[in-house]
């Protein structure tokens, strides 16, 4: 996460790391890959 190895996280480093987590989580819910979540996709049990 500390891309410039200065021992601290800048906002952009923090955001970049967490953005990838959000993207992966969204993709896990978006089963039909239409970049939108239906209520069924959001509420569906995860396997």
N, C-alpha and C. Protein backbone atom coordinates (compact mmCIF):
# COMPACT_ATOMS: atom_id res chain seq x y z
N UNK A 1 0.81 -1.19 0.00
CA UNK A 1 0.00 0.00 0.00
C UNK A 1 0.86 1.26 0.00
N UNK A 2 1.95 1.26 0.71
CA UNK A 2 2.83 2.43 0.78
C UNK A 2 3.70 2.46 -0.47
N UNK A 3 3.16 2.99 -1.54
CA UNK A 3 3.82 2.89 -2.84
C UNK A 3 5.14 3.64 -2.93
N UNK A 4 5.26 4.75 -2.21
CA UNK A 4 6.52 5.49 -2.26
C UNK A 4 7.47 5.14 -1.12
N UNK A 5 7.09 4.15 -0.31
CA UNK A 5 7.92 3.61 0.78
C UNK A 5 8.43 4.68 1.74
N UNK A 6 7.57 5.66 2.05
CA UNK A 6 7.97 6.70 3.00
C UNK A 6 7.50 6.40 4.42
N UNK A 7 6.88 5.25 4.63
CA UNK A 7 6.42 4.87 5.95
C UNK A 7 5.07 5.45 6.33
N UNK A 8 4.44 6.16 5.41
CA UNK A 8 3.13 6.75 5.67
C UNK A 8 2.24 6.52 4.45
N UNK A 9 0.93 6.49 4.68
CA UNK A 9 -0.01 6.35 3.57
C UNK A 9 -0.58 7.71 3.21
N UNK A 10 -0.44 8.07 1.96
CA UNK A 10 -1.11 9.27 1.48
C UNK A 10 -2.57 8.90 1.19
N UNK A 11 -3.40 9.91 1.02
CA UNK A 11 -4.79 9.63 0.68
C UNK A 11 -4.89 8.81 -0.60
N UNK A 12 -4.11 9.17 -1.61
CA UNK A 12 -4.19 8.45 -2.89
C UNK A 12 -3.74 6.99 -2.74
N UNK A 13 -2.74 6.72 -1.90
CA UNK A 13 -2.32 5.33 -1.67
C UNK A 13 -3.43 4.56 -0.95
N UNK A 14 -4.02 5.18 0.06
CA UNK A 14 -5.10 4.55 0.81
C UNK A 14 -6.30 4.29 -0.09
N UNK A 15 -6.68 5.31 -0.85
CA UNK A 15 -7.83 5.20 -1.75
C UNK A 15 -7.59 4.13 -2.81
N UNK A 16 -6.39 4.10 -3.38
CA UNK A 16 -6.08 3.12 -4.42
C UNK A 16 -6.20 1.69 -3.92
N UNK A 17 -5.73 1.44 -2.73
CA UNK A 17 -5.81 0.10 -2.16
C UNK A 17 -7.27 -0.28 -1.89
N UNK A 18 -7.99 0.60 -1.25
CA UNK A 18 -9.36 0.29 -0.89
C UNK A 18 -10.29 0.31 -2.08
N UNK A 19 -9.95 1.07 -3.10
CA UNK A 19 -10.76 1.07 -4.33
C UNK A 19 -10.76 -0.32 -4.95
N UNK A 20 -9.61 -0.97 -4.96
CA UNK A 20 -9.54 -2.32 -5.54
C UNK A 20 -10.37 -3.30 -4.72
N UNK A 21 -10.42 -3.12 -3.40
CA UNK A 21 -11.27 -3.98 -2.56
C UNK A 21 -12.74 -3.77 -2.88
N UNK A 22 -13.13 -2.52 -3.04
CA UNK A 22 -14.53 -2.20 -3.37
C UNK A 22 -14.88 -2.76 -4.74
N UNK A 23 -13.97 -2.60 -5.70
CA UNK A 23 -14.23 -3.13 -7.05
C UNK A 23 -14.43 -4.64 -7.02
N UNK A 24 -13.60 -5.35 -6.27
CA UNK A 24 -13.75 -6.82 -6.19
C UNK A 24 -15.04 -7.21 -5.48
N UNK A 25 -15.40 -6.48 -4.44
CA UNK A 25 -16.65 -6.78 -3.72
C UNK A 25 -17.85 -6.53 -4.64
N UNK A 26 -17.84 -5.42 -5.36
CA UNK A 26 -18.93 -5.12 -6.27
C UNK A 26 -19.05 -6.21 -7.33
N UNK A 27 -17.94 -6.62 -7.89
CA UNK A 27 -17.94 -7.66 -8.93
C UNK A 27 -18.49 -8.98 -8.38
N UNK A 28 -18.22 -9.27 -7.12
CA UNK A 28 -18.74 -10.51 -6.52
C UNK A 28 -20.27 -10.47 -6.42
N UNK A 29 -20.83 -9.31 -6.17
CA UNK A 29 -22.29 -9.18 -6.10
C UNK A 29 -22.92 -9.13 -7.48
N UNK A 30 -22.24 -8.52 -8.44
CA UNK A 30 -22.79 -8.27 -9.78
C UNK A 30 -22.69 -9.53 -10.64
N UNK A 31 -23.56 -10.47 -10.36
CA UNK A 31 -23.46 -11.79 -11.00
C UNK A 31 -23.65 -11.78 -12.51
N UNK A 32 -24.45 -10.83 -13.03
CA UNK A 32 -24.65 -10.79 -14.48
C UNK A 32 -23.70 -9.81 -15.17
N UNK A 33 -22.79 -9.22 -14.42
CA UNK A 33 -21.73 -8.34 -14.93
C UNK A 33 -22.26 -7.18 -15.76
N UNK A 34 -23.39 -6.60 -15.32
CA UNK A 34 -23.93 -5.45 -16.04
C UNK A 34 -23.56 -4.12 -15.38
N UNK A 35 -22.68 -4.18 -14.38
CA UNK A 35 -22.22 -3.01 -13.64
C UNK A 35 -23.33 -2.29 -12.89
N UNK A 36 -24.36 -3.04 -12.53
CA UNK A 36 -25.45 -2.54 -11.71
C UNK A 36 -25.89 -3.66 -10.80
N UNK A 37 -26.29 -3.33 -9.58
CA UNK A 37 -26.74 -4.36 -8.65
C UNK A 37 -28.26 -4.32 -8.55
N UNK A 38 -28.86 -5.45 -8.83
CA UNK A 38 -30.30 -5.59 -8.59
C UNK A 38 -30.48 -5.95 -7.12
N UNK A 39 -31.68 -5.81 -6.63
CA UNK A 39 -31.98 -6.21 -5.25
C UNK A 39 -31.67 -7.69 -5.07
N UNK A 40 -31.98 -8.51 -6.07
CA UNK A 40 -31.73 -9.94 -5.97
C UNK A 40 -30.24 -10.24 -5.86
N UNK A 41 -29.42 -9.54 -6.65
CA UNK A 41 -27.98 -9.76 -6.58
C UNK A 41 -27.44 -9.34 -5.21
N UNK A 42 -27.90 -8.20 -4.74
CA UNK A 42 -27.41 -7.68 -3.47
C UNK A 42 -27.80 -8.55 -2.30
N UNK A 43 -28.99 -9.12 -2.35
CA UNK A 43 -29.52 -9.90 -1.23
C UNK A 43 -29.21 -11.39 -1.34
N UNK A 44 -28.68 -11.83 -2.47
CA UNK A 44 -28.42 -13.26 -2.69
C UNK A 44 -27.34 -13.75 -1.73
N UNK A 45 -27.52 -14.96 -1.18
CA UNK A 45 -26.46 -15.53 -0.33
C UNK A 45 -25.19 -15.76 -1.15
N UNK A 46 -24.07 -15.51 -0.55
CA UNK A 46 -22.78 -15.71 -1.21
C UNK A 46 -22.31 -17.15 -1.01
N UNK A 47 -21.74 -17.70 -2.03
CA UNK A 47 -21.26 -19.10 -1.98
C UNK A 47 -19.83 -19.14 -1.53
